[in-house]
Structures are given as structure tokens and as C-alpha cells.
């Protein structure tokens, strides 16, 4: 992935180089772990709709992106369906950095 950033000296965006897919995946995983820790700080479980709203608010994204983040978090073992109520999610027991 190509990276660009703002250069105050040049007063424009400049090319910063390439970023590997692994770096992007790790950054995304860490951001979503932090968001999940914040969302579940005072909750055992949360409904799908409320989880979408929380992600939209915390990460400043639209509903479609929030749904994609939920899918990513499930696939990467950050959250899981609640075993007693499948319409809710719960945080998995994972170490946070």
C-alpha cells in the first residue's frame, strides 16, 4: 500500500513510501482490539445493533464499515457470539497490548 502524508515544508501531500499489508493488518487489528476493549469496558455482552452504533461512534465510520469491522473482529478472535443469546456479542478472552 502506498503512503502519502502532508508536508508542511512543501505545503502539499508527498509520497512517504510503501506500507506492507501485514503492517496494515496489524494496525487494524490493534485499533479494533482497543475499540472492543472500550465498548465492553462496562458490559458483558451487547446486541448487534448497539455494537454497530458503538463502533460507528468510536471509530467515526459509517454503518457498512462498522459491519465489516464486526466481521473482521469475529474472524480474528476479538469478539464472539454470546453462547446464551446469539443475538449478542461478547468480548473474547484475549491479551491486549
PDB file of N, CA and C in Angstrom:
ATOM      1  N   UNK A   1       0.845  -1.160   0.000  1.00  0.00           N
ATOM      2  CA  UNK A   1       0.000   0.000   0.000  1.00  0.00           C
ATOM      3  C   UNK A   1       0.905   1.242   0.000  1.00  0.00           C
ATOM      4  N   UNK A   2       0.584   2.183  -0.859  1.00  0.00           N
ATOM      5  CA  UNK A   2       1.347   3.417  -0.915  1.00  0.00           C
ATOM      6  C   UNK A   2       0.878   4.357   0.192  1.00  0.00           C
ATOM      7  N   UNK A   3       1.834   5.081   0.764  1.00  0.00           N
ATOM      8  CA  UNK A   3       1.511   6.025   1.827  1.00  0.00           C
ATOM      9  C   UNK A   3       1.828   7.443   1.375  1.00  0.00           C
ATOM     10  N   UNK A   4       0.913   8.347   1.717  1.00  0.00           N
ATOM     11  CA  UNK A   4       1.107   9.757   1.473  1.00  0.00           C
ATOM     12  C   UNK A   4       0.883  10.496   2.778  1.00  0.00           C
ATOM     13  N   UNK A   5       1.499  11.637   2.925  1.00  0.00           N
ATOM     14  CA  UNK A   5       1.317  12.453   4.117  1.00  0.00           C
ATOM     15  C   UNK A   5       1.500  13.920   3.770  1.00  0.00           C
ATOM     16  N   UNK A   6       1.037  14.784   4.664  1.00  0.00           N
ATOM     17  CA  UNK A   6       1.122  16.222   4.444  1.00  0.00           C
ATOM     18  C   UNK A   6       2.509  16.726   4.834  1.00  0.00           C
ATOM     19  N   UNK A   7       3.123  17.490   3.958  1.00  0.00           N
ATOM     20  CA  UNK A   7       4.416  18.106   4.236  1.00  0.00           C
ATOM     21  C   UNK A   7       4.187  19.592   4.474  1.00  0.00           C
ATOM     22  N   UNK A   8       4.439  20.043   5.695  1.00  0.00           N
ATOM     23  CA  UNK A   8       4.291  21.467   5.996  1.00  0.00           C
ATOM     24  C   UNK A   8       5.295  22.293   5.200  1.00  0.00           C
ATOM     25  N   UNK A   9       6.493  21.757   5.054  1.00  0.00           N
ATOM     26  CA  UNK A   9       7.540  22.469   4.333  1.00  0.00           C
ATOM     27  C   UNK A   9       7.162  22.715   2.868  1.00  0.00           C
ATOM     28  N   UNK A  10       6.555  21.706   2.237  1.00  0.00           N
ATOM     29  CA  UNK A  10       6.189  21.829   0.830  1.00  0.00           C
ATOM     30  C   UNK A  10       4.765  22.320   0.633  1.00  0.00           C
ATOM     31  N   UNK A  11       3.955  22.289   1.701  1.00  0.00           N
ATOM     32  CA  UNK A  11       2.574  22.748   1.601  1.00  0.00           C
ATOM     33  C   UNK A  11       1.697  21.868   0.724  1.00  0.00           C
ATOM     34  N   UNK A  12       2.016  20.568   0.676  1.00  0.00           N
ATOM     35  CA  UNK A  12       1.243  19.637  -0.138  1.00  0.00           C
ATOM     36  C   UNK A  12       1.466  18.226   0.374  1.00  0.00           C
ATOM     37  N   UNK A  13       0.667  17.297  -0.169  1.00  0.00           N
ATOM     38  CA  UNK A  13       0.862  15.895   0.160  1.00  0.00           C
ATOM     39  C   UNK A  13       2.079  15.368  -0.585  1.00  0.00           C
ATOM     40  N   UNK A  14       2.843  14.514   0.099  1.00  0.00           N
ATOM     41  CA  UNK A  14       4.040  13.925  -0.503  1.00  0.00           C
ATOM     42  C   UNK A  14       4.005  12.408  -0.307  1.00  0.00           C
ATOM     43  N   UNK A  15       4.697  11.726  -1.191  1.00  0.00           N
ATOM     44  CA  UNK A  15       4.795  10.272  -1.136  1.00  0.00           C
ATOM     45  C   UNK A  15       5.725   9.886   0.007  1.00  0.00           C
ATOM     46  N   UNK A  16       5.269   8.966   0.889  1.00  0.00           N
ATOM     47  CA  UNK A  16       6.069   8.542   2.039  1.00  0.00           C
ATOM     48  C   UNK A  16       6.654   7.144   1.881  1.00  0.00           C
ATOM     49  N   UNK A  17       6.240   6.422   0.848  1.00  0.00           N
ATOM     50  CA  UNK A  17       6.759   5.082   0.639  1.00  0.00           C
ATOM     51  C   UNK A  17       5.664   4.040   0.646  1.00  0.00           C
ATOM     52  N   UNK A  18       6.086   2.800   0.740  1.00  0.00           N
ATOM     53  CA  UNK A  18       5.163   1.664   0.713  1.00  0.00           C
ATOM     54  C   UNK A  18       4.968   1.125   2.128  1.00  0.00           C
ATOM     55  N   UNK A  19       3.776   0.669   2.399  1.00  0.00           N
ATOM     56  CA  UNK A  19       3.473   0.028   3.677  1.00  0.00           C
ATOM     57  C   UNK A  19       2.981  -1.375   3.369  1.00  0.00           C
ATOM     58  N   UNK A  20       3.522  -2.344   4.084  1.00  0.00           N
ATOM     59  CA  UNK A  20       3.164  -3.731   3.794  1.00  0.00           C
ATOM     60  C   UNK A  20       1.741  -4.046   4.259  1.00  0.00           C
ATOM     61  N   UNK A  21       1.179  -5.059   3.659  1.00  0.00           N
ATOM     62  CA  UNK A  21      -0.165  -5.499   4.030  1.00  0.00           C
ATOM     63  C   UNK A  21      -0.178  -5.985   5.475  1.00  0.00           C
ATOM     64  N   UNK A  22       0.913  -6.616   5.913  1.00  0.00           N
ATOM     65  CA  UNK A  22       0.999  -7.104   7.286  1.00  0.00           C
ATOM     66  C   UNK A  22       0.940  -5.955   8.289  1.00  0.00           C
ATOM     67  N   UNK A  23       1.626  -4.851   7.982  1.00  0.00           N
ATOM     68  CA  UNK A  23       1.590  -3.675   8.857  1.00  0.00           C
ATOM     69  C   UNK A  23       0.181  -3.103   8.945  1.00  0.00           C
ATOM     70  N   UNK A  24      -0.499  -3.036   7.811  1.00  0.00           N
ATOM     71  CA  UNK A  24      -1.865  -2.526   7.782  1.00  0.00           C
ATOM     72  C   UNK A  24      -2.802  -3.427   8.583  1.00  0.00           C
ATOM     73  N   UNK A  25      -2.651  -4.727   8.424  1.00  0.00           N
ATOM     74  CA  UNK A  25      -3.489  -5.696   9.137  1.00  0.00           C
ATOM     75  C   UNK A  25      -3.250  -5.607  10.647  1.00  0.00           C
ATOM     76  N   UNK A  26      -1.992  -5.486  11.048  1.00  0.00           N
ATOM     77  CA  UNK A  26      -1.656  -5.383  12.470  1.00  0.00           C
ATOM     78  C   UNK A  26      -2.216  -4.102  13.072  1.00  0.00           C
ATOM     79  N   UNK A  27      -2.100  -2.994  12.347  1.00  0.00           N
ATOM     80  CA  UNK A  27      -2.629  -1.719  12.828  1.00  0.00           C
ATOM     81  C   UNK A  27      -4.145  -1.803  12.983  1.00  0.00           C
ATOM     82  N   UNK A  28      -4.821  -2.377  11.999  1.00  0.00           N
ATOM     83  CA  UNK A  28      -6.279  -2.516  12.039  1.00  0.00           C
ATOM     84  C   UNK A  28      -6.694  -3.409  13.209  1.00  0.00           C
ATOM     85  N   UNK A  29      -5.990  -4.523  13.385  1.00  0.00           N
ATOM     86  CA  UNK A  29      -6.295  -5.433  14.486  1.00  0.00           C
ATOM     87  C   UNK A  29      -6.142  -4.729  15.826  1.00  0.00           C
ATOM     88  N   UNK A  30      -5.060  -4.004  16.003  1.00  0.00           N
ATOM     89  CA  UNK A  30      -4.829  -3.295  17.266  1.00  0.00           C
ATOM     90  C   UNK A  30      -5.873  -2.212  17.508  1.00  0.00           C
ATOM     91  N   UNK A  31      -6.252  -1.485  16.471  1.00  0.00           N
ATOM     92  CA  UNK A  31      -7.290  -0.461  16.616  1.00  0.00           C
ATOM     93  C   UNK A  31      -8.616  -1.087  17.024  1.00  0.00           C
ATOM     94  N   UNK A  32      -8.958  -2.214  16.424  1.00  0.00           N
ATOM     95  CA  UNK A  32     -10.224  -2.865  16.735  1.00  0.00           C
ATOM     96  C   UNK A  32     -10.193  -3.526  18.115  1.00  0.00           C
ATOM     97  N   UNK A  33      -9.041  -4.025  18.540  1.00  0.00           N
ATOM     98  CA  UNK A  33      -8.916  -4.544  19.905  1.00  0.00           C
ATOM     99  C   UNK A  33      -9.152  -3.430  20.916  1.00  0.00           C
ATOM    100  N   UNK A  34      -8.555  -2.268  20.660  1.00  0.00           N
ATOM    101  CA  UNK A  34      -8.737  -1.121  21.554  1.00  0.00           C
ATOM    102  C   UNK A  34     -10.195  -0.678  21.585  1.00  0.00           C
ATOM    103  N   UNK A  35     -10.828  -0.633  20.420  1.00  0.00           N
ATOM    104  CA  UNK A  35     -12.235  -0.235  20.347  1.00  0.00           C
ATOM    105  C   UNK A  35     -13.108  -1.240  21.098  1.00  0.00           C
ATOM    106  N   UNK A  36     -12.841  -2.528  20.921  1.00  0.00           N
ATOM    107  CA  UNK A  36     -13.621  -3.569  21.607  1.00  0.00           C
ATOM    108  C   UNK A  36     -13.433  -3.464  23.119  1.00  0.00           C
ATOM    109  N   UNK A  37     -12.212  -3.219  23.559  1.00  0.00           N
ATOM    110  CA  UNK A  37     -11.961  -3.075  24.993  1.00  0.00           C
ATOM    111  C   UNK A  37     -12.749  -1.894  25.545  1.00  0.00           C
ATOM    112  N   UNK A  38     -12.821  -0.824  24.794  1.00  0.00           N
ATOM    113  CA  UNK A  38     -13.578   0.361  25.221  1.00  0.00           C
ATOM    114  C   UNK A  38     -15.079   0.070  25.248  1.00  0.00           C
ATOM    115  N   UNK A  39     -15.581  -0.584  24.224  1.00  0.00           N
ATOM    116  CA  UNK A  39     -17.009  -0.890  24.127  1.00  0.00           C
ATOM    117  C   UNK A  39     -17.447  -1.833  25.254  1.00  0.00           C
ATOM    118  N   UNK A  40     -16.635  -2.850  25.541  1.00  0.00           N
ATOM    119  CA  UNK A  40     -17.009  -3.853  26.528  1.00  0.00           C
ATOM    120  C   UNK A  40     -16.469  -3.555  27.932  1.00  0.00           C
ATOM    121  N   UNK A  41     -15.966  -2.346  28.125  1.00  0.00           N
ATOM    122  CA  UNK A  41     -15.387  -1.966  29.410  1.00  0.00           C
ATOM    123  C   UNK A  41     -16.363  -2.206  30.562  1.00  0.00           C
ATOM    124  N   UNK A  42     -17.617  -1.847  30.375  1.00  0.00           N
ATOM    125  CA  UNK A  42     -18.619  -1.985  31.438  1.00  0.00           C
ATOM    126  C   UNK A  42     -19.767  -2.910  31.043  1.00  0.00           C
ATOM    127  N   UNK A  43     -19.529  -3.780  30.053  1.00  0.00           N
ATOM    128  CA  UNK A  43     -20.581  -4.662  29.559  1.00  0.00           C
ATOM    129  C   UNK A  43     -20.060  -6.082  29.422  1.00  0.00           C
ATOM    130  N   UNK A  44     -20.923  -7.026  29.648  1.00  0.00           N
ATOM    131  CA  UNK A  44     -20.599  -8.431  29.395  1.00  0.00           C
ATOM    132  C   UNK A  44     -20.887  -8.759  27.935  1.00  0.00           C
ATOM    133  N   UNK A  45     -22.047  -8.283  27.445  1.00  0.00           N
ATOM    134  CA  UNK A  45     -22.431  -8.524  26.062  1.00  0.00           C
ATOM    135  C   UNK A  45     -23.194  -7.311  25.536  1.00  0.00           C
ATOM    136  N   UNK A  46     -23.354  -7.286  24.205  1.00  0.00           N
ATOM    137  CA  UNK A  46     -24.024  -6.155  23.553  1.00  0.00           C
ATOM    138  C   UNK A  46     -24.727  -6.674  22.304  1.00  0.00           C
ATOM    139  N   UNK A  47     -25.875  -6.101  22.002  1.00  0.00           N
ATOM    140  CA  UNK A  47     -26.603  -6.532  20.809  1.00  0.00           C
ATOM    141  C   UNK A  47     -25.856  -6.093  19.551  1.00  0.00           C
ATOM    142  N   UNK A  48     -26.146  -6.769  18.462  1.00  0.00           N
ATOM    143  CA  UNK A  48     -25.512  -6.443  17.190  1.00  0.00           C
ATOM    144  C   UNK A  48     -25.755  -4.979  16.810  1.00  0.00           C
ATOM    145  N   UNK A  49     -26.992  -4.524  16.938  1.00  0.00           N
ATOM    146  CA  UNK A  49     -27.325  -3.149  16.545  1.00  0.00           C
ATOM    147  C   UNK A  49     -26.589  -2.129  17.405  1.00  0.00           C
ATOM    148  N   UNK A  50     -26.515  -2.380  18.719  1.00  0.00           N
ATOM    149  CA  UNK A  50     -25.802  -1.460  19.604  1.00  0.00           C
ATOM    150  C   UNK A  50     -24.291  -1.499  19.360  1.00  0.00           C
ATOM    151  N   UNK A  51     -23.778  -2.675  19.000  1.00  0.00           N
ATOM    152  CA  UNK A  51     -22.359  -2.785  18.678  1.00  0.00           C
ATOM    153  C   UNK A  51     -22.037  -1.966  17.431  1.00  0.00           C
ATOM    154  N   UNK A  52     -22.899  -2.039  16.444  1.00  0.00           N
ATOM    155  CA  UNK A  52     -22.719  -1.236  15.227  1.00  0.00           C
ATOM    156  C   UNK A  52     -22.689   0.243  15.586  1.00  0.00           C
ATOM    157  N   UNK A  53     -23.640   0.689  16.398  1.00  0.00           N
ATOM    158  CA  UNK A  53     -23.699   2.101  16.800  1.00  0.00           C
ATOM    159  C   UNK A  53     -22.447   2.525  17.555  1.00  0.00           C
ATOM    160  N   UNK A  54     -21.987   1.673  18.470  1.00  0.00           N
ATOM    161  CA  UNK A  54     -20.791   1.988  19.261  1.00  0.00           C
ATOM    162  C   UNK A  54     -19.562   2.121  18.357  1.00  0.00           C
ATOM    163  N   UNK A  55     -19.406   1.189  17.424  1.00  0.00           N
ATOM    164  CA  UNK A  55     -18.256   1.245  16.513  1.00  0.00           C
ATOM    165  C   UNK A  55     -18.328   2.485  15.642  1.00  0.00           C
ATOM    166  N   UNK A  56     -19.531   2.804  15.146  1.00  0.00           N
ATOM    167  CA  UNK A  56     -19.698   3.998  14.319  1.00  0.00           C
ATOM    168  C   UNK A  56     -19.276   5.246  15.095  1.00  0.00           C
ATOM    169  N   UNK A  57     -19.649   5.307  16.355  1.00  0.00           N
ATOM    170  CA  UNK A  57     -19.328   6.471  17.173  1.00  0.00           C
ATOM    171  C   UNK A  57     -17.843   6.538  17.532  1.00  0.00           C
ATOM    172  N   UNK A  58     -17.310   5.431  18.013  1.00  0.00           N
ATOM    173  CA  UNK A  58     -15.913   5.409  18.464  1.00  0.00           C
ATOM    174  C   UNK A  58     -14.935   5.605  17.312  1.00  0.00           C
ATOM    175  N   UNK A  59     -15.204   4.963  16.184  1.00  0.00           N
ATOM    176  CA  UNK A  59     -14.246   4.975  15.087  1.00  0.00           C
ATOM    177  C   UNK A  59     -14.616   5.966  13.989  1.00  0.00           C
ATOM    178  N   UNK A  60     -15.739   6.661  14.155  1.00  0.00           N
ATOM    179  CA  UNK A  60     -16.199   7.661  13.193  1.00  0.00           C
ATOM    180  C   UNK A  60     -16.290   7.070  11.785  1.00  0.00           C
ATOM    181  N   UNK A  61     -17.068   5.968  11.684  1.00  0.00           N
ATOM    182  CA  UNK A  61     -17.271   5.302  10.400  1.00  0.00           C
ATOM    183  C   UNK A  61     -18.761   5.148  10.142  1.00  0.00           C
ATOM    184  N   UNK A  62     -19.097   4.802   8.925  1.00  0.00           N
ATOM    185  CA  UNK A  62     -20.483   4.568   8.528  1.00  0.00           C
ATOM    186  C   UNK A  62     -20.891   3.136   8.901  1.00  0.00           C
ATOM    187  N   UNK A  63     -22.201   2.861   8.788  1.00  0.00           N
ATOM    188  CA  UNK A  63     -22.732   1.560   9.199  1.00  0.00           C
ATOM    189  C   UNK A  63     -22.099   0.404   8.427  1.00  0.00           C
ATOM    190  N   UNK A  64     -21.915   0.572   7.153  1.00  0.00           N
ATOM    191  CA  UNK A  64     -21.341  -0.511   6.339  1.00  0.00           C
ATOM    192  C   UNK A  64     -19.932  -0.882   6.819  1.00  0.00           C
ATOM    193  N   UNK A  65     -19.141   0.121   7.138  1.00  0.00           N
ATOM    194  CA  UNK A  65     -17.787  -0.130   7.635  1.00  0.00           C
ATOM    195  C   UNK A  65     -17.840  -0.761   9.014  1.00  0.00           C
ATOM    196  N   UNK A  66     -18.757  -0.309   9.857  1.00  0.00           N
ATOM    197  CA  UNK A  66     -18.902  -0.893  11.201  1.00  0.00           C
ATOM    198  C   UNK A  66     -19.241  -2.382  11.088  1.00  0.00           C
ATOM    199  N   UNK A  67     -20.111  -2.737  10.164  1.00  0.00           N
ATOM    200  CA  UNK A  67     -20.465  -4.151   9.961  1.00  0.00           C
ATOM    201  C   UNK A  67     -19.242  -4.952   9.494  1.00  0.00           C
ATOM    202  N   UNK A  68     -18.442  -4.357   8.630  1.00  0.00           N
ATOM    203  CA  UNK A  68     -17.225  -5.025   8.156  1.00  0.00           C
ATOM    204  C   UNK A  68     -16.237  -5.198   9.312  1.00  0.00           C
ATOM    205  N   UNK A  69     -16.160  -4.224  10.191  1.00  0.00           N
ATOM    206  CA  UNK A  69     -15.286  -4.319  11.363  1.00  0.00           C
ATOM    207  C   UNK A  69     -15.745  -5.439  12.297  1.00  0.00           C
ATOM    208  N   UNK A  70     -17.051  -5.593  12.467  1.00  0.00           N
ATOM    209  CA  UNK A  70     -17.572  -6.675  13.303  1.00  0.00           C
ATOM    210  C   UNK A  70     -17.169  -8.019  12.705  1.00  0.00           C
ATOM    211  N   UNK A  71     -17.315  -8.155  11.411  1.00  0.00           N
ATOM    212  CA  UNK A  71     -16.919  -9.399  10.737  1.00  0.00           C
ATOM    213  C   UNK A  71     -15.424  -9.654  10.948  1.00  0.00           C
ATOM    214  N   UNK A  72     -14.602  -8.615  10.800  1.00  0.00           N
ATOM    215  CA  UNK A  72     -13.157  -8.731  10.991  1.00  0.00           C
ATOM    216  C   UNK A  72     -12.846  -9.155  12.430  1.00  0.00           C
ATOM    217  N   UNK A  73     -13.530  -8.535  13.402  1.00  0.00           N
ATOM    218  CA  UNK A  73     -13.280  -8.860  14.808  1.00  0.00           C
ATOM    219  C   UNK A  73     -13.673 -10.306  15.114  1.00  0.00           C
ATOM    220  N   UNK A  74     -14.744 -10.789  14.521  1.00  0.00           N
ATOM    221  CA  UNK A  74     -15.140 -12.195  14.720  1.00  0.00           C
ATOM    222  C   UNK A  74     -14.102 -13.129  14.100  1.00  0.00           C
ATOM    223  N   UNK A  75     -13.669 -12.821  12.892  1.00  0.00           N
ATOM    224  CA  UNK A  75     -12.707 -13.678  12.193  1.00  0.00           C
ATOM    225  C   UNK A  75     -11.347 -13.709  12.873  1.00  0.00           C
ATOM    226  N   UNK A  76     -11.009 -12.634  13.600  1.00  0.00           N
ATOM    227  CA  UNK A  76      -9.701 -12.545  14.243  1.00  0.00           C
ATOM    228  C   UNK A  76      -9.763 -12.792  15.756  1.00  0.00           C
ATOM    229  N   UNK A  77     -10.878 -13.346  16.221  1.00  0.00           N
ATOM    230  CA  UNK A  77     -10.970 -13.764  17.604  1.00  0.00           C
ATOM    231  C   UNK A  77     -11.006 -12.652  18.630  1.00  0.00           C
ATOM    232  N   UNK A  78     -11.512 -11.492  18.243  1.00  0.00           N
ATOM    233  CA  UNK A  78     -11.622 -10.374  19.179  1.00  0.00           C
ATOM    234  C   UNK A  78     -12.965 -10.435  19.906  1.00  0.00           C
ATOM    235  N   UNK A  79     -14.026 -10.739  19.156  1.00  0.00           N
ATOM    236  CA  UNK A  79     -15.363 -10.893  19.729  1.00  0.00           C
ATOM    237  C   UNK A  79     -15.956 -12.201  19.237  1.00  0.00           C
ATOM    238  N   UNK A  80     -17.007 -12.634  19.915  1.00  0.00           N
ATOM    239  CA  UNK A  80     -17.717 -13.845  19.502  1.00  0.00           C
ATOM    240  C   UNK A  80     -19.187 -13.682  19.848  1.00  0.00           C
ATOM    241  N   UNK A  81     -20.008 -14.531  19.241  1.00  0.00           N
ATOM    242  CA  UNK A  81     -21.434 -14.546  19.581  1.00  0.00           C
ATOM    243  C   UNK A  81     -21.565 -15.027  21.022  1.00  0.00           C
ATOM    244  N   UNK A  82     -22.489 -14.424  21.749  1.00  0.00           N
ATOM    245  CA  UNK A  82     -22.776 -14.833  23.111  1.00  0.00           C
ATOM    246  C   UNK A  82     -23.343 -16.249  23.079  1.00  0.00           C
ATOM    247  N   UNK A  83     -22.841 -17.119  23.928  1.00  0.00           N
ATOM    248  CA  UNK A  83     -23.276 -18.518  23.913  1.00  0.00           C
ATOM    249  C   UNK A  83     -24.709 -18.699  24.401  1.00  0.00           C
ATOM    250  N   UNK A  84     -25.192 -17.791  25.243  1.00  0.00           N
ATOM    251  CA  UNK A  84     -26.556 -17.928  25.759  1.00  0.00           C
ATOM    252  C   UNK A  84     -27.571 -17.115  24.966  1.00  0.00           C
ATOM    253  N   UNK A  85     -27.110 -16.106  24.241  1.00  0.00           N
ATOM    254  CA  UNK A  85     -28.012 -15.274  23.438  1.00  0.00           C
ATOM    255  C   UNK A  85     -27.298 -14.939  22.135  1.00  0.00           C
ATOM    256  N   UNK A  86     -27.620 -15.635  21.070  1.00  0.00           N
ATOM    257  CA  UNK A  86     -26.890 -15.488  19.809  1.00  0.00           C
ATOM    258  C   UNK A  86     -27.147 -14.171  19.089  1.00  0.00           C
ATOM    259  N   UNK A  87     -28.053 -13.342  19.618  1.00  0.00           N
ATOM    260  CA  UNK A  87     -28.248 -12.022  19.006  1.00  0.00           C
ATOM    261  C   UNK A  87     -27.323 -10.984  19.642  1.00  0.00           C
ATOM    262  N   UNK A  88     -26.443 -11.440  20.532  1.00  0.00           N
ATOM    263  CA  UNK A  88     -25.499 -10.541  21.201  1.00  0.00           C
ATOM    264  C   UNK A  88     -24.068 -11.022  20.989  1.00  0.00           C
ATOM    265  N   UNK A  89     -23.144 -10.077  21.141  1.00  0.00           N
ATOM    266  CA  UNK A  89     -21.715 -10.376  21.053  1.00  0.00           C
ATOM    267  C   UNK A  89     -21.074 -10.176  22.414  1.00  0.00           C
ATOM    268  N   UNK A  90     -19.968 -10.888  22.616  1.00  0.00           N
ATOM    269  CA  UNK A  90     -19.188 -10.700  23.829  1.00  0.00           C
ATOM    270  C   UNK A  90     -17.716 -10.664  23.456  1.00  0.00           C
ATOM    271  N   UNK A  91     -16.943 -10.064  24.321  1.00  0.00           N
ATOM    272  CA  UNK A  91     -15.506  -9.957  24.125  1.00  0.00           C
ATOM    273  C   UNK A  91     -14.874 -11.316  24.407  1.00  0.00           C
ATOM    274  N   UNK A  92     -13.938 -11.717  23.582  1.00  0.00           N
ATOM    275  CA  UNK A  92     -13.225 -12.965  23.826  1.00  0.00           C
ATOM    276  C   UNK A  92     -12.096 -12.680  24.803  1.00  0.00           C
ATOM    277  N   UNK A  93     -11.614 -13.700  25.463  1.00  0.00           N
ATOM    278  CA  UNK A  93     -10.506 -13.539  26.393  1.00  0.00           C
ATOM    279  C   UNK A  93      -9.197 -13.481  25.619  1.00  0.00           C
ATOM    280  N   UNK A  94      -8.800 -12.240  25.311  1.00  0.00           N
ATOM    281  CA  UNK A  94      -7.569 -12.039  24.533  1.00  0.00           C
ATOM    282  C   UNK A  94      -6.680 -11.052  25.256  1.00  0.00           C
ATOM    283  N   UNK A  95      -5.384 -11.211  25.154  1.00  0.00           N
ATOM    284  CA  UNK A  95      -4.486 -10.231  25.768  1.00  0.00           C
ATOM    285  C   UNK A  95      -4.446  -8.946  24.945  1.00  0.00           C
ATOM    286  N   UNK A  96      -4.508  -7.843  25.629  1.00  0.00           N
ATOM    287  CA  UNK A  96      -4.423  -6.540  24.954  1.00  0.00           C
ATOM    288  C   UNK A  96      -3.052  -5.960  25.180  1.00  0.00           C
ATOM    289  N   UNK A  97      -2.554  -5.264  24.165  1.00  0.00           N
ATOM    290  CA  UNK A  97      -1.226  -4.667  24.251  1.00  0.00           C
ATOM    291  C   UNK A  97      -1.277  -3.346  24.968  1.00  0.00           C
TER     292      UNK A  97
END
